[in-house]
């Protein structure tokens, strides 16, 4: 991606995410990280992200969206038991046994 293409990429980001703050240091990092990525691939990934998320993407989500999605999914399920994960993330409430029986 060349400088002119990067400017278009950033403009699309700021149009879609007005709260995204393109600080100089942040732009330098983004430009460096995306320099080897084809402009049209980057724009396609950005547009897909815009269509599916109200939050701006990370660099990883543009460079490798499949791996970023796997990582996000792993973070969401960390610490959950396999039964909870298989149940869609919902835990089934089992009331504590109080030892009394109702007749």
N, C-alpha and C. Protein backbone atom coordinates (compact mmCIF):
# COMPACT_ATOMS: atom_id res chain seq x y z
N UNK A 1 0.86 -1.17 0.00
CA UNK A 1 0.00 0.00 0.00
C UNK A 1 0.91 1.23 0.00
N UNK A 2 0.66 2.14 -0.93
CA UNK A 2 1.48 3.35 -0.97
C UNK A 2 0.86 4.45 -0.10
N UNK A 3 1.52 5.61 -0.04
CA UNK A 3 1.08 6.69 0.86
C UNK A 3 -0.31 7.22 0.49
N UNK A 4 -0.58 7.39 -0.79
CA UNK A 4 -1.88 7.90 -1.22
C UNK A 4 -2.99 6.90 -0.88
N UNK A 5 -2.71 5.64 -1.09
CA UNK A 5 -3.69 4.61 -0.74
C UNK A 5 -3.91 4.57 0.76
N UNK A 6 -2.83 4.72 1.52
CA UNK A 6 -2.96 4.72 2.98
C UNK A 6 -3.83 5.89 3.44
N UNK A 7 -3.68 7.06 2.81
CA UNK A 7 -4.51 8.22 3.16
C UNK A 7 -5.99 7.90 2.93
N UNK A 8 -6.30 7.22 1.84
CA UNK A 8 -7.69 6.83 1.56
C UNK A 8 -8.20 5.83 2.60
N UNK A 9 -7.32 4.91 2.98
CA UNK A 9 -7.67 3.92 4.00
C UNK A 9 -8.01 4.62 5.32
N UNK A 10 -7.15 5.56 5.73
CA UNK A 10 -7.37 6.30 6.98
C UNK A 10 -8.63 7.14 6.88
N UNK A 11 -8.87 7.75 5.74
CA UNK A 11 -10.08 8.57 5.57
C UNK A 11 -11.33 7.71 5.72
N UNK A 12 -11.31 6.52 5.18
CA UNK A 12 -12.43 5.60 5.33
C UNK A 12 -12.64 5.23 6.80
N UNK A 13 -11.53 4.98 7.50
CA UNK A 13 -11.61 4.66 8.94
C UNK A 13 -12.23 5.81 9.72
N UNK A 14 -11.76 7.03 9.47
CA UNK A 14 -12.27 8.18 10.24
C UNK A 14 -13.71 8.52 9.85
N UNK A 15 -14.10 8.26 8.61
CA UNK A 15 -15.49 8.47 8.20
C UNK A 15 -16.41 7.47 8.89
N UNK A 16 -15.98 6.23 8.96
CA UNK A 16 -16.80 5.18 9.56
C UNK A 16 -16.79 5.22 11.08
N UNK A 17 -15.69 5.63 11.65
CA UNK A 17 -15.53 5.64 13.11
C UNK A 17 -15.06 7.04 13.54
N UNK A 18 -15.99 7.98 13.68
CA UNK A 18 -15.60 9.37 13.99
C UNK A 18 -14.84 9.52 15.30
N UNK A 19 -15.01 8.59 16.23
CA UNK A 19 -14.30 8.68 17.51
C UNK A 19 -12.89 8.10 17.44
N UNK A 20 -12.54 7.47 16.33
CA UNK A 20 -11.19 6.93 16.16
C UNK A 20 -10.24 8.10 15.99
N UNK A 21 -9.22 8.13 16.83
CA UNK A 21 -8.30 9.27 16.86
C UNK A 21 -7.03 8.95 16.09
N UNK A 22 -6.87 9.51 14.89
CA UNK A 22 -5.66 9.21 14.11
C UNK A 22 -4.47 10.07 14.52
N UNK A 23 -3.90 9.79 15.70
CA UNK A 23 -2.70 10.50 16.15
C UNK A 23 -1.53 10.16 15.22
N UNK A 24 -0.58 11.05 15.16
CA UNK A 24 0.58 10.85 14.28
C UNK A 24 1.30 9.54 14.59
N UNK A 25 1.54 9.28 15.86
CA UNK A 25 2.27 8.05 16.21
C UNK A 25 1.45 6.82 15.84
N UNK A 26 0.15 6.89 15.99
CA UNK A 26 -0.72 5.77 15.63
C UNK A 26 -0.71 5.57 14.12
N UNK A 27 -0.77 6.65 13.37
CA UNK A 27 -0.76 6.54 11.91
C UNK A 27 0.56 5.97 11.40
N UNK A 28 1.66 6.35 12.04
CA UNK A 28 2.96 5.81 11.64
C UNK A 28 3.00 4.29 11.85
N UNK A 29 2.48 3.85 12.98
CA UNK A 29 2.44 2.41 13.26
C UNK A 29 1.55 1.69 12.26
N UNK A 30 0.35 2.20 12.02
CA UNK A 30 -0.56 1.60 11.05
C UNK A 30 0.09 1.55 9.67
N UNK A 31 0.69 2.65 9.23
CA UNK A 31 1.32 2.70 7.91
C UNK A 31 2.43 1.66 7.80
N UNK A 32 3.24 1.54 8.83
CA UNK A 32 4.32 0.56 8.84
C UNK A 32 3.77 -0.86 8.79
N UNK A 33 2.78 -1.14 9.60
CA UNK A 33 2.24 -2.51 9.68
C UNK A 33 1.48 -2.91 8.41
N UNK A 34 0.84 -1.95 7.75
CA UNK A 34 0.04 -2.27 6.57
C UNK A 34 0.81 -2.09 5.26
N UNK A 35 2.06 -1.68 5.34
CA UNK A 35 2.82 -1.34 4.12
C UNK A 35 2.94 -2.50 3.14
N UNK A 36 3.00 -3.72 3.62
CA UNK A 36 3.14 -4.88 2.73
C UNK A 36 1.80 -5.46 2.27
N UNK A 37 0.71 -4.95 2.82
CA UNK A 37 -0.61 -5.47 2.48
C UNK A 37 -1.14 -4.77 1.24
N UNK A 38 -1.70 -5.54 0.34
CA UNK A 38 -2.31 -4.99 -0.86
C UNK A 38 -3.45 -4.05 -0.48
N UNK A 39 -3.48 -2.87 -1.09
CA UNK A 39 -4.48 -1.85 -0.78
C UNK A 39 -5.91 -2.38 -0.92
N UNK A 40 -6.19 -3.09 -2.00
CA UNK A 40 -7.54 -3.56 -2.24
C UNK A 40 -7.96 -4.63 -1.24
N UNK A 41 -7.03 -5.45 -0.81
CA UNK A 41 -7.30 -6.43 0.25
C UNK A 41 -7.58 -5.71 1.55
N UNK A 42 -6.76 -4.72 1.89
CA UNK A 42 -6.95 -3.95 3.13
C UNK A 42 -8.30 -3.25 3.13
N UNK A 43 -8.68 -2.63 2.02
CA UNK A 43 -9.96 -1.93 1.94
C UNK A 43 -11.13 -2.90 2.04
N UNK A 44 -11.02 -4.05 1.41
CA UNK A 44 -12.08 -5.05 1.49
C UNK A 44 -12.27 -5.52 2.93
N UNK A 45 -11.16 -5.75 3.61
CA UNK A 45 -11.23 -6.19 5.01
C UNK A 45 -11.79 -5.08 5.90
N UNK A 46 -11.40 -3.83 5.64
CA UNK A 46 -11.92 -2.72 6.41
C UNK A 46 -13.42 -2.57 6.19
N UNK A 47 -13.86 -2.65 4.95
CA UNK A 47 -15.30 -2.52 4.66
C UNK A 47 -16.10 -3.64 5.30
N UNK A 48 -15.55 -4.84 5.29
CA UNK A 48 -16.23 -5.96 5.94
C UNK A 48 -16.33 -5.70 7.45
N UNK A 49 -15.25 -5.19 8.02
CA UNK A 49 -15.25 -4.88 9.45
C UNK A 49 -16.27 -3.79 9.76
N UNK A 50 -16.32 -2.76 8.95
CA UNK A 50 -17.26 -1.66 9.15
C UNK A 50 -18.70 -2.19 9.12
N UNK A 51 -18.95 -3.13 8.23
CA UNK A 51 -20.30 -3.70 8.10
C UNK A 51 -20.70 -4.57 9.27
N UNK A 52 -19.72 -5.06 10.03
CA UNK A 52 -20.03 -6.01 11.10
C UNK A 52 -19.69 -5.55 12.51
N UNK A 53 -19.05 -4.38 12.65
CA UNK A 53 -18.64 -3.95 13.98
C UNK A 53 -18.80 -2.45 14.15
N UNK A 54 -19.30 -2.07 15.31
CA UNK A 54 -19.42 -0.64 15.59
C UNK A 54 -18.14 -0.07 16.17
N UNK A 55 -17.14 -0.91 16.39
CA UNK A 55 -15.86 -0.47 16.94
C UNK A 55 -14.79 -0.52 15.86
N UNK A 56 -13.83 0.42 15.89
CA UNK A 56 -12.76 0.40 14.89
C UNK A 56 -11.91 -0.87 15.00
N UNK A 57 -11.35 -1.31 13.89
CA UNK A 57 -10.55 -2.53 13.92
C UNK A 57 -9.17 -2.31 14.53
N UNK A 58 -8.58 -3.39 14.97
CA UNK A 58 -7.17 -3.37 15.35
C UNK A 58 -6.36 -3.66 14.10
N UNK A 59 -5.07 -3.46 14.18
CA UNK A 59 -4.20 -3.79 13.05
C UNK A 59 -4.33 -5.28 12.72
N UNK A 60 -4.38 -6.11 13.75
CA UNK A 60 -4.47 -7.56 13.55
C UNK A 60 -5.75 -7.94 12.80
N UNK A 61 -6.83 -7.22 13.06
CA UNK A 61 -8.09 -7.54 12.39
C UNK A 61 -8.05 -7.20 10.90
N UNK A 62 -7.18 -6.30 10.50
CA UNK A 62 -7.01 -5.98 9.08
C UNK A 62 -5.98 -6.92 8.45
N UNK A 63 -4.88 -7.17 9.14
CA UNK A 63 -3.83 -8.03 8.59
C UNK A 63 -4.28 -9.48 8.48
N UNK A 64 -4.94 -9.98 9.50
CA UNK A 64 -5.31 -11.39 9.53
C UNK A 64 -6.64 -11.54 10.26
N UNK A 65 -7.74 -11.22 9.59
CA UNK A 65 -9.03 -11.21 10.28
C UNK A 65 -9.47 -12.57 10.83
N UNK A 66 -9.10 -13.66 10.15
CA UNK A 66 -9.49 -14.98 10.63
C UNK A 66 -8.82 -15.31 11.97
N UNK A 67 -7.53 -15.02 12.06
CA UNK A 67 -6.80 -15.30 13.31
C UNK A 67 -7.27 -14.39 14.43
N UNK A 68 -7.57 -13.14 14.12
CA UNK A 68 -8.06 -12.21 15.14
C UNK A 68 -9.41 -12.69 15.68
N UNK A 69 -10.26 -13.23 14.80
CA UNK A 69 -11.57 -13.74 15.24
C UNK A 69 -11.39 -14.96 16.13
N UNK A 70 -10.44 -15.84 15.77
CA UNK A 70 -10.18 -17.02 16.62
C UNK A 70 -9.68 -16.59 17.99
N UNK A 71 -8.76 -15.63 18.01
CA UNK A 71 -8.20 -15.14 19.27
C UNK A 71 -9.29 -14.52 20.13
N UNK A 72 -10.16 -13.73 19.52
CA UNK A 72 -11.25 -13.10 20.26
C UNK A 72 -12.17 -14.17 20.83
N UNK A 73 -12.46 -15.19 20.05
CA UNK A 73 -13.32 -16.28 20.50
C UNK A 73 -12.68 -17.02 21.66
N UNK A 74 -11.36 -17.25 21.57
CA UNK A 74 -10.65 -17.93 22.67
C UNK A 74 -10.72 -17.09 23.94
N UNK A 75 -10.55 -15.78 23.83
CA UNK A 75 -10.61 -14.91 25.00
C UNK A 75 -11.99 -14.94 25.64
N UNK A 76 -13.02 -15.01 24.84
CA UNK A 76 -14.38 -15.02 25.36
C UNK A 76 -14.69 -16.31 26.11
N UNK A 77 -14.02 -17.41 25.75
CA UNK A 77 -14.31 -18.69 26.38
C UNK A 77 -13.29 -19.08 27.45
N UNK A 78 -12.23 -18.31 27.62
CA UNK A 78 -11.24 -18.63 28.65
C UNK A 78 -11.90 -18.67 30.02
N UNK A 79 -11.61 -19.71 30.78
CA UNK A 79 -12.12 -19.82 32.14
C UNK A 79 -13.49 -20.46 32.22
N UNK A 80 -14.11 -20.75 31.11
CA UNK A 80 -15.41 -21.40 31.14
C UNK A 80 -15.23 -22.91 31.02
N UNK A 81 -16.11 -23.65 31.66
CA UNK A 81 -16.04 -25.10 31.57
C UNK A 81 -16.49 -25.54 30.18
N UNK A 82 -16.07 -26.73 29.75
CA UNK A 82 -16.52 -27.22 28.44
C UNK A 82 -18.04 -27.31 28.34
N UNK A 83 -18.71 -27.65 29.43
CA UNK A 83 -20.18 -27.73 29.41
C UNK A 83 -20.80 -26.37 29.13
N UNK A 84 -20.24 -25.33 29.70
CA UNK A 84 -20.76 -23.98 29.48
C UNK A 84 -20.51 -23.55 28.03
N UNK A 85 -19.32 -23.85 27.52
CA UNK A 85 -19.00 -23.49 26.14
C UNK A 85 -19.95 -24.22 25.19
N UNK A 86 -20.19 -25.50 25.43
CA UNK A 86 -21.09 -26.27 24.57
C UNK A 86 -22.53 -25.78 24.68
N UNK A 87 -22.86 -25.14 25.77
CA UNK A 87 -24.21 -24.62 25.99
C UNK A 87 -24.33 -23.19 25.50
N UNK A 88 -23.43 -22.74 24.66
CA UNK A 88 -23.51 -21.40 24.09
C UNK A 88 -23.07 -20.32 25.05
N UNK A 89 -22.32 -20.67 26.08
CA UNK A 89 -21.83 -19.67 27.02
C UNK A 89 -22.75 -19.44 28.21
N UNK A 90 -23.85 -20.17 28.24
CA UNK A 90 -24.79 -20.00 29.34
C UNK A 90 -24.60 -21.10 30.37
N UNK A 91 -24.57 -20.70 31.62
CA UNK A 91 -24.49 -21.68 32.69
C UNK A 91 -25.91 -22.02 33.14
N UNK A 92 -26.12 -23.27 33.42
CA UNK A 92 -27.42 -23.71 33.90
C UNK A 92 -27.40 -23.58 35.42
N UNK A 93 -28.39 -22.86 35.93
CA UNK A 93 -28.45 -22.64 37.37
C UNK A 93 -29.00 -23.88 38.05
N UNK A 94 -28.26 -24.38 39.00
CA UNK A 94 -28.70 -25.50 39.83
C UNK A 94 -28.74 -24.97 41.25
N UNK A 95 -29.95 -24.89 41.82
CA UNK A 95 -30.04 -24.35 43.18
C UNK A 95 -29.31 -25.26 44.17
N UNK A 96 -28.75 -24.67 45.20
CA UNK A 96 -28.04 -25.48 46.18
C UNK A 96 -29.00 -26.40 46.92
N UNK A 97 -28.49 -27.58 47.26
CA UNK A 97 -29.30 -28.54 48.01
C UNK A 97 -29.32 -28.11 49.46
N UNK A 98 -30.49 -27.76 49.95
CA UNK A 98 -30.61 -27.28 51.33
C UNK A 98 -30.87 -28.41 52.31
N UNK A 99 -31.13 -29.62 51.78
CA UNK A 99 -31.34 -30.74 52.67
C UNK A 99 -32.77 -30.89 53.13
N UNK A 100 -33.62 -29.92 52.91
CA UNK A 100 -35.03 -30.06 53.31
C UNK A 100 -35.85 -30.49 52.12
N UNK A 101 -36.88 -31.26 52.43
CA UNK A 101 -37.78 -31.76 51.38
C UNK A 101 -39.16 -31.18 51.63
N UNK A 102 -39.83 -30.84 50.56
CA UNK A 102 -41.19 -30.31 50.67
C UNK A 102 -42.17 -31.42 50.41
N UNK A 103 -43.14 -31.58 51.30
CA UNK A 103 -44.17 -32.62 51.14
C UNK A 103 -45.43 -32.02 50.67
